[in-house]
N, C-alpha and C. Protein backbone atom coordinates (compact mmCIF):
# COMPACT_ATOMS: atom_id res chain seq x y z
N MET A 1 88.32 102.23 106.01
CA MET A 1 89.46 101.99 106.66
C MET A 1 89.63 103.37 107.58
N LYS A 2 89.81 103.21 108.75
CA LYS A 2 90.10 104.10 109.76
C LYS A 2 91.72 104.53 109.91
N LEU A 3 91.90 105.80 109.84
CA LEU A 3 93.18 106.36 110.14
C LEU A 3 93.21 107.12 111.52
N SER A 4 94.47 107.03 111.97
CA SER A 4 94.90 107.34 113.22
C SER A 4 94.88 109.15 113.18
N THR A 5 94.73 109.78 114.28
CA THR A 5 94.45 111.27 114.16
C THR A 5 96.09 111.60 113.85
N ARG A 6 96.95 110.85 114.35
CA ARG A 6 98.62 111.22 113.87
C ARG A 6 98.57 111.23 112.32
N SER A 7 97.97 110.21 111.80
CA SER A 7 98.33 109.85 110.32
C SER A 7 97.34 111.05 109.68
N ARG A 8 96.12 111.16 109.96
CA ARG A 8 95.42 112.23 109.37
C ARG A 8 96.01 113.74 109.21
N TYR A 9 96.50 114.17 110.57
CA TYR A 9 97.24 115.58 110.72
C TYR A 9 98.49 115.40 109.93
N GLY A 10 99.00 114.26 109.97
CA GLY A 10 100.36 114.46 109.03
C GLY A 10 100.03 114.43 107.36
N LEU A 11 98.99 113.79 107.07
CA LEU A 11 98.51 113.77 105.83
C LEU A 11 98.15 115.29 105.38
N ARG A 12 97.39 115.95 106.44
CA ARG A 12 96.90 117.56 106.11
C ARG A 12 97.98 118.17 106.18
N PHE A 13 99.09 118.12 106.95
CA PHE A 13 100.34 118.91 107.04
C PHE A 13 100.91 118.81 105.67
N LEU A 14 101.18 117.49 105.01
CA LEU A 14 101.72 117.25 103.86
C LEU A 14 100.87 118.13 102.62
N LEU A 15 99.84 117.84 102.66
CA LEU A 15 98.76 118.48 101.91
C LEU A 15 98.99 119.97 101.81
N GLU A 16 99.25 120.60 102.83
CA GLU A 16 99.17 121.84 102.84
C GLU A 16 100.47 122.51 102.32
N LEU A 17 101.56 121.59 102.51
CA LEU A 17 102.98 122.09 101.76
C LEU A 17 102.79 121.70 100.48
N ALA A 18 102.17 120.82 100.07
CA ALA A 18 101.89 120.57 98.38
C ALA A 18 101.15 121.73 98.04
N GLY A 19 100.17 122.13 98.46
CA GLY A 19 99.28 123.29 97.97
C GLY A 19 100.25 124.36 97.60
N SER A 20 101.26 124.78 98.32
CA SER A 20 102.05 125.83 98.06
C SER A 20 103.21 125.77 97.30
N TRP A 21 103.42 124.53 96.76
CA TRP A 21 104.63 124.07 96.03
C TRP A 21 105.00 125.00 94.85
N LYS A 22 104.20 125.35 94.19
CA LYS A 22 104.26 126.07 92.87
C LYS A 22 104.84 127.64 93.25
N GLU A 23 104.27 127.83 94.35
CA GLU A 23 104.51 129.32 94.92
C GLU A 23 106.19 129.27 95.29
N GLY A 24 106.64 128.38 95.66
CA GLY A 24 107.87 128.23 96.08
C GLY A 24 108.31 128.72 97.54
N THR A 25 107.06 128.80 98.22
CA THR A 25 107.15 129.41 99.31
C THR A 25 107.55 128.34 100.75
N ILE A 26 108.12 129.21 101.66
CA ILE A 26 108.52 128.21 102.90
C ILE A 26 107.44 128.55 103.84
N ARG A 27 106.59 127.48 104.30
CA ARG A 27 105.44 127.85 105.31
C ARG A 27 106.03 127.60 106.77
N THR A 28 105.54 128.56 107.69
CA THR A 28 105.99 128.32 108.98
C THR A 28 104.64 127.40 109.59
N LEU A 29 105.20 126.69 110.82
CA LEU A 29 104.32 125.72 111.41
C LEU A 29 103.18 126.62 112.04
N HIS A 30 103.15 127.78 112.51
CA HIS A 30 102.17 128.75 112.96
C HIS A 30 101.05 128.72 111.84
N ASP A 31 101.64 129.26 110.55
CA ASP A 31 100.79 129.38 109.37
C ASP A 31 99.91 127.97 108.94
N ILE A 32 100.58 126.93 109.07
CA ILE A 32 99.99 125.75 108.81
C ILE A 32 99.13 125.27 109.69
N ALA A 33 99.30 125.57 111.00
CA ALA A 33 98.32 124.99 111.97
C ALA A 33 97.04 126.12 112.04
N THR A 34 97.24 127.39 111.62
CA THR A 34 96.25 128.18 111.48
C THR A 34 95.16 127.74 110.46
N CYS A 35 95.84 127.51 109.35
CA CYS A 35 95.04 127.06 107.91
C CYS A 35 94.42 125.73 108.34
N GLN A 36 94.96 124.88 108.99
CA GLN A 36 94.27 123.45 108.93
C GLN A 36 93.51 123.37 110.32
N GLU A 37 93.53 124.44 111.23
CA GLU A 37 92.97 124.22 112.33
C GLU A 37 93.33 123.20 113.20
N ILE A 38 94.88 122.92 113.49
CA ILE A 38 95.34 122.02 114.17
C ILE A 38 96.19 122.63 114.98
N SER A 39 96.48 122.19 116.26
CA SER A 39 97.44 122.59 117.20
C SER A 39 98.75 122.80 116.96
N GLU A 40 99.31 123.78 117.03
CA GLU A 40 100.76 123.98 116.58
C GLU A 40 101.54 123.04 117.51
N LYS A 41 101.38 122.72 118.63
CA LYS A 41 102.01 121.82 119.73
C LYS A 41 101.97 120.55 119.09
N TYR A 42 100.94 120.09 118.47
CA TYR A 42 100.86 118.77 117.88
C TYR A 42 101.49 118.55 116.75
N LEU A 43 101.34 119.68 115.59
CA LEU A 43 102.16 119.52 114.42
C LEU A 43 103.55 119.59 114.74
N TRP A 44 104.24 120.02 115.87
CA TRP A 44 105.56 119.98 116.25
C TRP A 44 105.87 118.62 116.29
N SER A 45 105.01 117.73 117.13
CA SER A 45 105.31 116.54 117.18
C SER A 45 105.57 115.63 115.95
N LEU A 46 104.77 116.24 114.91
CA LEU A 46 104.79 115.49 113.68
C LEU A 46 106.14 115.85 112.61
N VAL A 47 106.80 116.74 113.05
CA VAL A 47 108.09 117.04 112.13
C VAL A 47 109.08 116.14 112.06
N PRO A 48 109.55 115.47 113.38
CA PRO A 48 110.77 114.72 113.21
C PRO A 48 110.43 113.49 112.31
N PRO A 49 109.29 112.90 112.62
CA PRO A 49 109.17 111.51 111.70
C PRO A 49 109.10 112.00 110.28
N LEU A 50 108.40 113.10 109.90
CA LEU A 50 108.30 113.46 108.51
C LEU A 50 109.52 113.92 107.90
N LYS A 51 110.49 114.36 108.64
CA LYS A 51 111.72 114.84 108.13
C LYS A 51 112.48 113.69 108.01
N SER A 52 112.50 112.75 109.12
CA SER A 52 113.43 111.67 109.11
C SER A 52 113.07 110.72 107.92
N ALA A 53 111.98 110.76 107.31
CA ALA A 53 111.43 109.90 106.25
C ALA A 53 111.67 110.58 104.91
N GLY A 54 112.02 111.80 104.97
CA GLY A 54 112.45 112.38 103.75
C GLY A 54 111.36 113.20 103.10
N TYR A 55 110.30 113.41 103.59
CA TYR A 55 109.08 114.13 103.06
C TYR A 55 109.10 115.38 103.19
N ILE A 56 109.75 116.21 104.13
CA ILE A 56 109.85 117.45 104.46
C ILE A 56 111.04 117.81 104.68
N GLU A 57 111.65 119.15 104.44
CA GLU A 57 112.84 119.84 104.55
C GLU A 57 112.49 121.35 105.64
N THR A 58 113.47 121.10 106.50
CA THR A 58 113.61 122.47 107.22
C THR A 58 114.36 123.72 106.83
N VAL A 59 113.76 124.73 106.68
CA VAL A 59 114.70 126.06 106.52
C VAL A 59 114.88 126.81 107.78
N ARG A 60 116.23 126.76 108.21
CA ARG A 60 116.37 127.61 109.12
C ARG A 60 116.61 129.23 108.97
N GLY A 61 116.50 129.89 110.11
CA GLY A 61 116.70 131.31 110.08
C GLY A 61 115.54 132.14 110.44
N ALA A 62 115.47 133.36 110.23
CA ALA A 62 114.35 134.31 110.40
C ALA A 62 113.07 134.04 109.53
N ALA A 63 113.47 133.71 108.39
CA ALA A 63 112.64 133.55 107.23
C ALA A 63 112.23 132.15 107.06
N GLY A 64 112.69 131.10 108.06
CA GLY A 64 112.45 129.72 108.01
C GLY A 64 111.25 129.10 108.02
N GLY A 65 111.12 127.81 107.96
CA GLY A 65 110.13 127.12 107.96
C GLY A 65 110.15 125.84 107.54
N TYR A 66 109.02 125.32 106.59
CA TYR A 66 109.32 123.99 106.07
C TYR A 66 108.68 123.96 104.97
N ARG A 67 109.21 122.82 103.86
CA ARG A 67 108.61 122.74 102.58
C ARG A 67 108.75 121.27 102.25
N LEU A 68 108.13 120.75 101.20
CA LEU A 68 108.18 119.49 100.80
C LEU A 68 109.76 119.27 100.41
N ALA A 69 110.26 118.06 100.55
CA ALA A 69 111.60 117.87 100.02
C ALA A 69 111.58 117.37 98.48
N CYS A 70 110.52 117.00 97.83
CA CYS A 70 110.58 117.05 96.54
C CYS A 70 109.10 117.39 95.92
N ASP A 71 109.24 117.28 94.53
CA ASP A 71 108.06 117.91 93.71
C ASP A 71 106.86 116.80 94.27
N PRO A 72 105.81 117.51 94.51
CA PRO A 72 104.43 116.67 94.82
C PRO A 72 103.79 115.92 93.54
N GLY A 73 104.09 116.01 92.57
CA GLY A 73 103.69 115.25 91.34
C GLY A 73 104.53 113.84 91.36
């Protein structure tokens, strides 16, 4: 089965957030883009659908970023 690039990158984005779940950290988009070697601009286009689907939450402010909306288990 073939997945689209958008689907693969969205899954990698979610897996990166799930990997830091126990730490309770909030990840920045720049940090995730660097770790996954994905364009930050492309990840930015994936945020609204993932947020509206309820998979991720955004945290505003100077120390803001993204985290999973629920326990990955």
